[in-house]
């Protein structure tokens, strides 16, 4: 399988070379961490190489998410209007928010109807927007899904999604995705974290440090043979991500 570069040299080296296509990257962090922004820095770089971003939002209204991303100069609306990403908005779908932008996909749903309606929205986006580009998915966030659906239900849905992904791998001839899952550890149970860690091929853990600008970044898990666990330093400065 192809190894996809994040185009962040220190990160690619720490991962053992990059990210295998069709894999899941779990990024965990604590309440005060900014480590979740790493997913969008990777997405920015992959868009520059021709890939397509798929944001699955379950945690905040889009205006709030866009404000949070301004700290790394990532504009969701601009990239959506340029045809570089689409958003499946679960938050809007649950709470009846109606957006006019064609790159934001939503549909009235609840706990019982979530999975078939989500799959329908993704298939629509695949046909209308993604086409033959590689999807780079960001789940923002797993703890948001656990809150909306319940941890147990969300884990069962995750298993069904993994089965769907395996069937797609067998039957469909197209560029395989990269899936990045964001998770605030302070909002979920240890059991839920343990299951997500099991299903992820890569795991990166962030820990904020009181009174310090830099965070500790532990590259905990990678399937590549050249990988060994590594601790790096992470910070955001002047709108840019730095990994040292």
C-alpha atoms as a PDB file:
ATOM      1  CA  UNK A   1       0.000   0.000   0.000  1.00  0.00           C
ATOM      2  CA  UNK A   2       1.157   3.543  -0.724  1.00  0.00           C
ATOM      3  CA  UNK A   3       2.729   5.602   2.042  1.00  0.00           C
ATOM      4  CA  UNK A   4       1.366   9.158   2.041  1.00  0.00           C
ATOM      5  CA  UNK A   5       3.594  11.980   3.257  1.00  0.00           C
ATOM      6  CA  UNK A   6       2.226  14.570   5.686  1.00  0.00           C
ATOM      7  CA  UNK A   7       4.835  16.957   4.199  1.00  0.00           C
ATOM      8  CA  UNK A   8       5.921  17.827   7.748  1.00  0.00           C
ATOM      9  CA  UNK A   9       9.446  16.327   7.625  1.00  0.00           C
ATOM     10  CA  UNK A  10       9.944  15.819  11.383  1.00  0.00           C
ATOM     11  CA  UNK A  11       6.516  14.146  11.656  1.00  0.00           C
ATOM     12  CA  UNK A  12       7.017  11.868   8.643  1.00  0.00           C
ATOM     13  CA  UNK A  13      10.360  10.763  10.074  1.00  0.00           C
ATOM     14  CA  UNK A  14       8.836  10.087  13.517  1.00  0.00           C
ATOM     15  CA  UNK A  15       5.997   8.057  11.965  1.00  0.00           C
ATOM     16  CA  UNK A  16       8.491   5.799  10.224  1.00  0.00           C
ATOM     17  CA  UNK A  17       8.051   7.360   6.772  1.00  0.00           C
ATOM     18  CA  UNK A  18       4.499   8.705   6.577  1.00  0.00           C
ATOM     19  CA  UNK A  19       0.905   7.440   6.730  1.00  0.00           C
ATOM     20  CA  UNK A  20      -0.292   4.298   4.986  1.00  0.00           C
ATOM     21  CA  UNK A  21      -3.331   4.835   2.779  1.00  0.00           C
ATOM     22  CA  UNK A  22      -6.634   3.508   4.164  1.00  0.00           C
ATOM     23  CA  UNK A  23      -5.359   3.793   7.731  1.00  0.00           C
ATOM     24  CA  UNK A  24      -6.753   5.539  10.819  1.00  0.00           C
ATOM     25  CA  UNK A  25      -4.688   8.147  12.678  1.00  0.00           C
ATOM     26  CA  UNK A  26      -5.871   8.790  16.252  1.00  0.00           C
ATOM     27  CA  UNK A  27      -4.838  12.170  17.696  1.00  0.00           C
ATOM     28  CA  UNK A  28      -5.596  12.519  21.415  1.00  0.00           C
ATOM     29  CA  UNK A  29      -5.132  15.608  23.576  1.00  0.00           C
ATOM     30  CA  UNK A  30      -6.199  17.188  26.861  1.00  0.00           C
ATOM     31  CA  UNK A  31      -8.469  20.125  27.652  1.00  0.00           C
ATOM     32  CA  UNK A  32      -5.902  22.896  27.130  1.00  0.00           C
ATOM     33  CA  UNK A  33      -4.008  21.343  24.232  1.00  0.00           C
ATOM     34  CA  UNK A  34      -3.862  22.758  20.715  1.00  0.00           C
ATOM     35  CA  UNK A  35      -2.575  19.466  19.322  1.00  0.00           C
ATOM     36  CA  UNK A  36      -5.821  18.843  17.434  1.00  0.00           C
ATOM     37  CA  UNK A  37      -4.750  21.518  14.924  1.00  0.00           C
ATOM     38  CA  UNK A  38      -2.114  19.099  13.606  1.00  0.00           C
ATOM     39  CA  UNK A  39      -4.846  17.286  11.654  1.00  0.00           C
ATOM     40  CA  UNK A  40      -5.689  20.455   9.736  1.00  0.00           C
ATOM     41  CA  UNK A  41      -2.018  21.208   9.064  1.00  0.00           C
ATOM     42  CA  UNK A  42      -1.708  17.742   7.511  1.00  0.00           C
ATOM     43  CA  UNK A  43      -4.889  18.387   5.519  1.00  0.00           C
ATOM     44  CA  UNK A  44      -3.579  21.733   4.258  1.00  0.00           C
ATOM     45  CA  UNK A  45      -0.447  20.011   2.939  1.00  0.00           C
ATOM     46  CA  UNK A  46      -2.357  17.142   1.333  1.00  0.00           C
ATOM     47  CA  UNK A  47      -4.765  19.565  -0.403  1.00  0.00           C
ATOM     48  CA  UNK A  48      -1.705  21.238  -1.943  1.00  0.00           C
ATOM     49  CA  UNK A  49      -0.846  17.807  -3.407  1.00  0.00           C
ATOM     50  CA  UNK A  50      -4.312  17.426  -4.923  1.00  0.00           C
ATOM     51  CA  UNK A  51      -6.221  15.533  -2.203  1.00  0.00           C
ATOM     52  CA  UNK A  52      -9.723  16.394  -0.982  1.00  0.00           C
ATOM     53  CA  UNK A  53     -10.650  17.175   2.622  1.00  0.00           C
ATOM     54  CA  UNK A  54     -13.691  15.595   4.290  1.00  0.00           C
ATOM     55  CA  UNK A  55     -14.528  17.189   7.652  1.00  0.00           C
ATOM     56  CA  UNK A  56     -17.049  15.272   9.787  1.00  0.00           C
ATOM     57  CA  UNK A  57     -18.208  17.765  12.408  1.00  0.00           C
ATOM     58  CA  UNK A  58     -20.139  16.663  15.487  1.00  0.00           C
ATOM     59  CA  UNK A  59     -18.994  19.042  18.190  1.00  0.00           C
ATOM     60  CA  UNK A  60     -19.645  22.768  17.448  1.00  0.00           C
ATOM     61  CA  UNK A  61     -21.403  25.050  14.929  1.00  0.00           C
ATOM     62  CA  UNK A  62     -19.334  25.757  11.830  1.00  0.00           C
ATOM     63  CA  UNK A  63     -18.760  29.425  12.767  1.00  0.00           C
ATOM     64  CA  UNK A  64     -17.053  28.321  16.005  1.00  0.00           C
ATOM     65  CA  UNK A  65     -14.892  25.730  14.243  1.00  0.00           C
ATOM     66  CA  UNK A  66     -13.805  28.304  11.668  1.00  0.00           C
ATOM     67  CA  UNK A  67     -12.848  30.729  14.450  1.00  0.00           C
ATOM     68  CA  UNK A  68     -10.762  28.063  16.187  1.00  0.00           C
ATOM     69  CA  UNK A  69      -8.925  27.309  12.933  1.00  0.00           C
ATOM     70  CA  UNK A  70      -7.945  30.932  12.376  1.00  0.00           C
ATOM     71  CA  UNK A  71      -5.063  30.358  14.817  1.00  0.00           C
ATOM     72  CA  UNK A  72      -3.331  28.335  12.068  1.00  0.00           C
ATOM     73  CA  UNK A  73      -4.730  30.416   9.171  1.00  0.00           C
ATOM     74  CA  UNK A  74      -6.953  27.590   7.922  1.00  0.00           C
ATOM     75  CA  UNK A  75     -10.202  28.879   6.385  1.00  0.00           C
ATOM     76  CA  UNK A  76     -12.856  26.173   5.980  1.00  0.00           C
ATOM     77  CA  UNK A  77     -15.174  28.339   3.885  1.00  0.00           C
ATOM     78  CA  UNK A  78     -12.419  29.446   1.504  1.00  0.00           C
ATOM     79  CA  UNK A  79     -11.248  25.879   0.908  1.00  0.00           C
ATOM     80  CA  UNK A  80     -14.835  24.679   0.541  1.00  0.00           C
ATOM     81  CA  UNK A  81     -15.627  27.374  -2.031  1.00  0.00           C
ATOM     82  CA  UNK A  82     -12.418  26.482  -3.912  1.00  0.00           C
ATOM     83  CA  UNK A  83     -13.616  22.881  -4.209  1.00  0.00           C
ATOM     84  CA  UNK A  84     -10.911  21.470  -1.939  1.00  0.00           C
ATOM     85  CA  UNK A  85     -13.036  20.168   0.922  1.00  0.00           C
ATOM     86  CA  UNK A  86     -16.538  19.213   1.969  1.00  0.00           C
ATOM     87  CA  UNK A  87     -18.133  19.091   5.406  1.00  0.00           C
ATOM     88  CA  UNK A  88     -20.573  16.471   6.655  1.00  0.00           C
ATOM     89  CA  UNK A  89     -22.163  18.390   9.510  1.00  0.00           C
ATOM     90  CA  UNK A  90     -23.604  15.990  12.083  1.00  0.00           C
ATOM     91  CA  UNK A  91     -23.997  18.822  14.606  1.00  0.00           C
ATOM     92  CA  UNK A  92     -26.222  20.742  12.175  1.00  0.00           C
ATOM     93  CA  UNK A  93     -28.100  17.556  11.281  1.00  0.00           C
ATOM     94  CA  UNK A  94     -28.997  16.871  14.934  1.00  0.00           C
ATOM     95  CA  UNK A  95     -29.901  20.454  15.855  1.00  0.00           C
ATOM     96  CA  UNK A  96     -31.628  21.702  12.698  1.00  0.00           C
ATOM     97  CA  UNK A  97     -29.076  24.274  11.497  1.00  0.00           C
ATOM     98  CA  UNK A  98     -29.481  25.070   7.795  1.00  0.00           C
ATOM     99  CA  UNK A  99     -26.458  26.262   5.830  1.00  0.00           C
ATOM    100  CA  UNK A 100     -26.514  27.647   2.302  1.00  0.00           C
ATOM    101  CA  UNK A 101     -22.976  26.711   1.264  1.00  0.00           C
ATOM    102  CA  UNK A 102     -22.983  23.758  -1.179  1.00  0.00           C
ATOM    103  CA  UNK A 103     -19.854  22.251   0.416  1.00  0.00           C
ATOM    104  CA  UNK A 104     -21.714  21.695   3.751  1.00  0.00           C
ATOM    105  CA  UNK A 105     -23.768  18.487   3.735  1.00  0.00           C
ATOM    106  CA  UNK A 106     -26.457  17.835   6.357  1.00  0.00           C
ATOM    107  CA  UNK A 107     -29.786  16.078   6.794  1.00  0.00           C
ATOM    108  CA  UNK A 108     -32.221  15.808   9.703  1.00  0.00           C
ATOM    109  CA  UNK A 109     -31.087  12.804  11.748  1.00  0.00           C
ATOM    110  CA  UNK A 110     -31.112  11.325  15.250  1.00  0.00           C
ATOM    111  CA  UNK A 111     -29.462   8.407  17.055  1.00  0.00           C
ATOM    112  CA  UNK A 112     -31.580   5.826  15.243  1.00  0.00           C
ATOM    113  CA  UNK A 113     -31.164   7.187  11.704  1.00  0.00           C
ATOM    114  CA  UNK A 114     -27.574   8.427  11.937  1.00  0.00           C
ATOM    115  CA  UNK A 115     -25.695   5.653  10.126  1.00  0.00           C
ATOM    116  CA  UNK A 116     -27.760   5.259   6.917  1.00  0.00           C
ATOM    117  CA  UNK A 117     -28.138   9.022   6.547  1.00  0.00           C
ATOM    118  CA  UNK A 118     -24.430   9.606   7.127  1.00  0.00           C
ATOM    119  CA  UNK A 119     -23.533   6.982   4.500  1.00  0.00           C
ATOM    120  CA  UNK A 120     -25.962   8.629   2.074  1.00  0.00           C
ATOM    121  CA  UNK A 121     -24.347  12.040   2.598  1.00  0.00           C
ATOM    122  CA  UNK A 122     -20.858  10.609   2.109  1.00  0.00           C
ATOM    123  CA  UNK A 123     -21.846   8.808  -1.104  1.00  0.00           C
ATOM    124  CA  UNK A 124     -23.349  12.064  -2.379  1.00  0.00           C
ATOM    125  CA  UNK A 125     -20.126  13.935  -1.605  1.00  0.00           C
ATOM    126  CA  UNK A 126     -18.077  11.180  -3.238  1.00  0.00           C
ATOM    127  CA  UNK A 127     -20.074  11.567  -6.453  1.00  0.00           C
ATOM    128  CA  UNK A 128     -20.393  15.375  -6.472  1.00  0.00           C
ATOM    129  CA  UNK A 129     -17.109  16.591  -4.985  1.00  0.00           C
ATOM    130  CA  UNK A 130     -14.450  13.955  -4.327  1.00  0.00           C
ATOM    131  CA  UNK A 131     -14.640  11.991  -7.591  1.00  0.00           C
ATOM    132  CA  UNK A 132     -11.150  10.594  -8.307  1.00  0.00           C
ATOM    133  CA  UNK A 133      -9.273  12.549  -5.605  1.00  0.00           C
ATOM    134  CA  UNK A 134      -7.933  10.970  -2.420  1.00  0.00           C
ATOM    135  CA  UNK A 135     -10.166  11.769   0.590  1.00  0.00           C
ATOM    136  CA  UNK A 136      -8.408  13.006   3.734  1.00  0.00           C
ATOM    137  CA  UNK A 137     -11.019  12.673   6.465  1.00  0.00           C
ATOM    138  CA  UNK A 138     -10.995  14.456   9.830  1.00  0.00           C
ATOM    139  CA  UNK A 139     -13.475  13.369  12.493  1.00  0.00           C
ATOM    140  CA  UNK A 140     -14.002  16.433  14.658  1.00  0.00           C
ATOM    141  CA  UNK A 141     -14.419  14.948  17.140  1.00  0.00           C
ATOM    142  CA  UNK A 142     -14.795  11.373  18.434  1.00  0.00           C
ATOM    143  CA  UNK A 143     -15.821  12.708  21.852  1.00  0.00           C
ATOM    144  CA  UNK A 144     -18.473  14.794  20.093  1.00  0.00           C
ATOM    145  CA  UNK A 145     -19.892  11.611  18.544  1.00  0.00           C
ATOM    146  CA  UNK A 146     -19.773   9.844  21.917  1.00  0.00           C
ATOM    147  CA  UNK A 147     -21.781  12.700  23.445  1.00  0.00           C
ATOM    148  CA  UNK A 148     -24.412  12.739  20.676  1.00  0.00           C
ATOM    149  CA  UNK A 149     -24.786   8.981  20.236  1.00  0.00           C
ATOM    150  CA  UNK A 150     -23.490   7.475  23.476  1.00  0.00           C
ATOM    151  CA  UNK A 151     -20.157   5.673  23.708  1.00  0.00           C
ATOM    152  CA  UNK A 152     -21.570   2.163  23.294  1.00  0.00           C
ATOM    153  CA  UNK A 153     -23.671   3.043  20.250  1.00  0.00           C
ATOM    154  CA  UNK A 154     -20.796   4.972  18.702  1.00  0.00           C
ATOM    155  CA  UNK A 155     -18.444   1.992  19.088  1.00  0.00           C
ATOM    156  CA  UNK A 156     -20.954  -0.294  17.377  1.00  0.00           C
ATOM    157  CA  UNK A 157     -21.334   2.230  14.546  1.00  0.00           C
ATOM    158  CA  UNK A 158     -17.544   2.399  14.260  1.00  0.00           C
ATOM    159  CA  UNK A 159     -17.409  -1.374  13.838  1.00  0.00           C
ATOM    160  CA  UNK A 160     -20.049  -1.197  11.086  1.00  0.00           C
ATOM    161  CA  UNK A 161     -18.083   1.578   9.377  1.00  0.00           C
ATOM    162  CA  UNK A 162     -14.950  -0.571   9.487  1.00  0.00           C
ATOM    163  CA  UNK A 163     -16.867  -3.376   7.791  1.00  0.00           C
ATOM    164  CA  UNK A 164     -18.119  -0.931   5.118  1.00  0.00           C
ATOM    165  CA  UNK A 165     -14.551   0.287   4.626  1.00  0.00           C
ATOM    166  CA  UNK A 166     -13.316  -3.281   4.180  1.00  0.00           C
ATOM    167  CA  UNK A 167     -16.019  -3.987   1.574  1.00  0.00           C
ATOM    168  CA  UNK A 168     -15.085  -0.780  -0.262  1.00  0.00           C
ATOM    169  CA  UNK A 169     -11.426  -1.845  -0.261  1.00  0.00           C
ATOM    170  CA  UNK A 170     -12.399  -5.153  -1.859  1.00  0.00           C
ATOM    171  CA  UNK A 171     -14.925  -3.853  -4.402  1.00  0.00           C
ATOM    172  CA  UNK A 172     -13.958  -0.292  -5.349  1.00  0.00           C
ATOM    173  CA  UNK A 173     -10.983   0.784  -7.435  1.00  0.00           C
ATOM    174  CA  UNK A 174     -10.203   4.331  -6.332  1.00  0.00           C
ATOM    175  CA  UNK A 175      -7.651   6.241  -4.272  1.00  0.00           C
ATOM    176  CA  UNK A 176      -7.789   5.019  -0.690  1.00  0.00           C
ATOM    177  CA  UNK A 177      -8.403   7.559   2.080  1.00  0.00           C
ATOM    178  CA  UNK A 178      -6.555   8.639   5.187  1.00  0.00           C
ATOM    179  CA  UNK A 179      -8.802   8.987   8.238  1.00  0.00           C
ATOM    180  CA  UNK A 180      -7.788  11.242  11.146  1.00  0.00           C
ATOM    181  CA  UNK A 181      -9.780  10.963  14.388  1.00  0.00           C
ATOM    182  CA  UNK A 182      -9.574  13.776  16.956  1.00  0.00           C
ATOM    183  CA  UNK A 183     -10.255  12.890  20.595  1.00  0.00           C
ATOM    184  CA  UNK A 184     -10.218  14.956  23.783  1.00  0.00           C
ATOM    185  CA  UNK A 185      -9.251  12.390  26.444  1.00  0.00           C
ATOM    186  CA  UNK A 186     -10.813  14.448  29.245  1.00  0.00           C
ATOM    187  CA  UNK A 187     -14.330  13.986  27.821  1.00  0.00           C
ATOM    188  CA  UNK A 188     -14.533  10.206  27.470  1.00  0.00           C
ATOM    189  CA  UNK A 189     -14.068   6.962  29.405  1.00  0.00           C
ATOM    190  CA  UNK A 190     -10.873   4.914  29.429  1.00  0.00           C
ATOM    191  CA  UNK A 191     -12.818   2.022  27.891  1.00  0.00           C
ATOM    192  CA  UNK A 192     -13.872   4.143  24.902  1.00  0.00           C
ATOM    193  CA  UNK A 193     -10.275   5.335  24.413  1.00  0.00           C
ATOM    194  CA  UNK A 194      -9.051   1.740  24.547  1.00  0.00           C
ATOM    195  CA  UNK A 195     -11.386   0.678  21.716  1.00  0.00           C
ATOM    196  CA  UNK A 196     -10.429   3.653  19.528  1.00  0.00           C
ATOM    197  CA  UNK A 197      -6.755   2.930  20.107  1.00  0.00           C
ATOM    198  CA  UNK A 198      -7.310  -0.689  19.036  1.00  0.00           C
ATOM    199  CA  UNK A 199      -8.921   0.360  15.743  1.00  0.00           C
ATOM    200  CA  UNK A 200      -6.255   2.975  14.908  1.00  0.00           C
ATOM    201  CA  UNK A 201      -3.046   2.140  13.048  1.00  0.00           C
ATOM    202  CA  UNK A 202      -1.370   5.356  14.227  1.00  0.00           C
ATOM    203  CA  UNK A 203      -1.659   7.170  17.554  1.00  0.00           C
ATOM    204  CA  UNK A 204      -0.317  10.594  18.511  1.00  0.00           C
ATOM    205  CA  UNK A 205      -0.880  11.864  22.072  1.00  0.00           C
ATOM    206  CA  UNK A 206      -0.546  15.526  23.104  1.00  0.00           C
ATOM    207  CA  UNK A 207      -0.067  16.794  26.656  1.00  0.00           C
ATOM    208  CA  UNK A 208      -0.223  20.512  27.410  1.00  0.00           C
ATOM    209  CA  UNK A 209       2.181  21.870  30.015  1.00  0.00           C
ATOM    210  CA  UNK A 210       1.193  24.525  32.527  1.00  0.00           C
ATOM    211  CA  UNK A 211       2.865  27.905  31.935  1.00  0.00           C
ATOM    212  CA  UNK A 212       4.691  26.633  28.840  1.00  0.00           C
ATOM    213  CA  UNK A 213       4.072  27.424  25.191  1.00  0.00           C
ATOM    214  CA  UNK A 214       5.242  24.011  23.976  1.00  0.00           C
ATOM    215  CA  UNK A 215       3.348  20.740  24.348  1.00  0.00           C
ATOM    216  CA  UNK A 216       4.727  17.224  24.614  1.00  0.00           C
ATOM    217  CA  UNK A 217       3.820  15.161  21.561  1.00  0.00           C
ATOM    218  CA  UNK A 218       4.201  11.388  21.842  1.00  0.00           C
ATOM    219  CA  UNK A 219       4.192   9.381  18.610  1.00  0.00           C
ATOM    220  CA  UNK A 220       2.905   6.237  20.278  1.00  0.00           C
ATOM    221  CA  UNK A 221       1.974   3.886  17.443  1.00  0.00           C
ATOM    222  CA  UNK A 222       2.684   3.246  13.747  1.00  0.00           C
ATOM    223  CA  UNK A 223       2.561   0.051  11.642  1.00  0.00           C
ATOM    224  CA  UNK A 224       5.692   0.907   9.638  1.00  0.00           C
ATOM    225  CA  UNK A 225       8.827  -1.207  10.229  1.00  0.00           C
ATOM    226  CA  UNK A 226      11.134   1.801  10.710  1.00  0.00           C
ATOM    227  CA  UNK A 227       8.992   3.255  13.508  1.00  0.00           C
ATOM    228  CA  UNK A 228      10.015   3.609  17.123  1.00  0.00           C
ATOM    229  CA  UNK A 229       8.045   5.588  19.762  1.00  0.00           C
ATOM    230  CA  UNK A 230       9.266   9.180  19.881  1.00  0.00           C
ATOM    231  CA  UNK A 231       8.572  12.287  21.971  1.00  0.00           C
ATOM    232  CA  UNK A 232       8.633  15.659  20.196  1.00  0.00           C
ATOM    233  CA  UNK A 233       7.742  19.244  21.123  1.00  0.00           C
ATOM    234  CA  UNK A 234       4.777  20.990  19.497  1.00  0.00           C
ATOM    235  CA  UNK A 235       3.752  24.640  19.422  1.00  0.00           C
ATOM    236  CA  UNK A 236       1.816  27.170  17.352  1.00  0.00           C
ATOM    237  CA  UNK A 237       3.632  30.424  16.657  1.00  0.00           C
ATOM    238  CA  UNK A 238       2.544  33.245  14.338  1.00  0.00           C
ATOM    239  CA  UNK A 239      -0.174  31.075  12.849  1.00  0.00           C
ATOM    240  CA  UNK A 240       2.174  28.193  12.025  1.00  0.00           C
ATOM    241  CA  UNK A 241       2.596  24.717  13.491  1.00  0.00           C
ATOM    242  CA  UNK A 242       6.112  23.861  14.695  1.00  0.00           C
ATOM    243  CA  UNK A 243       7.268  20.341  15.589  1.00  0.00           C
ATOM    244  CA  UNK A 244      10.724  20.105  17.148  1.00  0.00           C
END
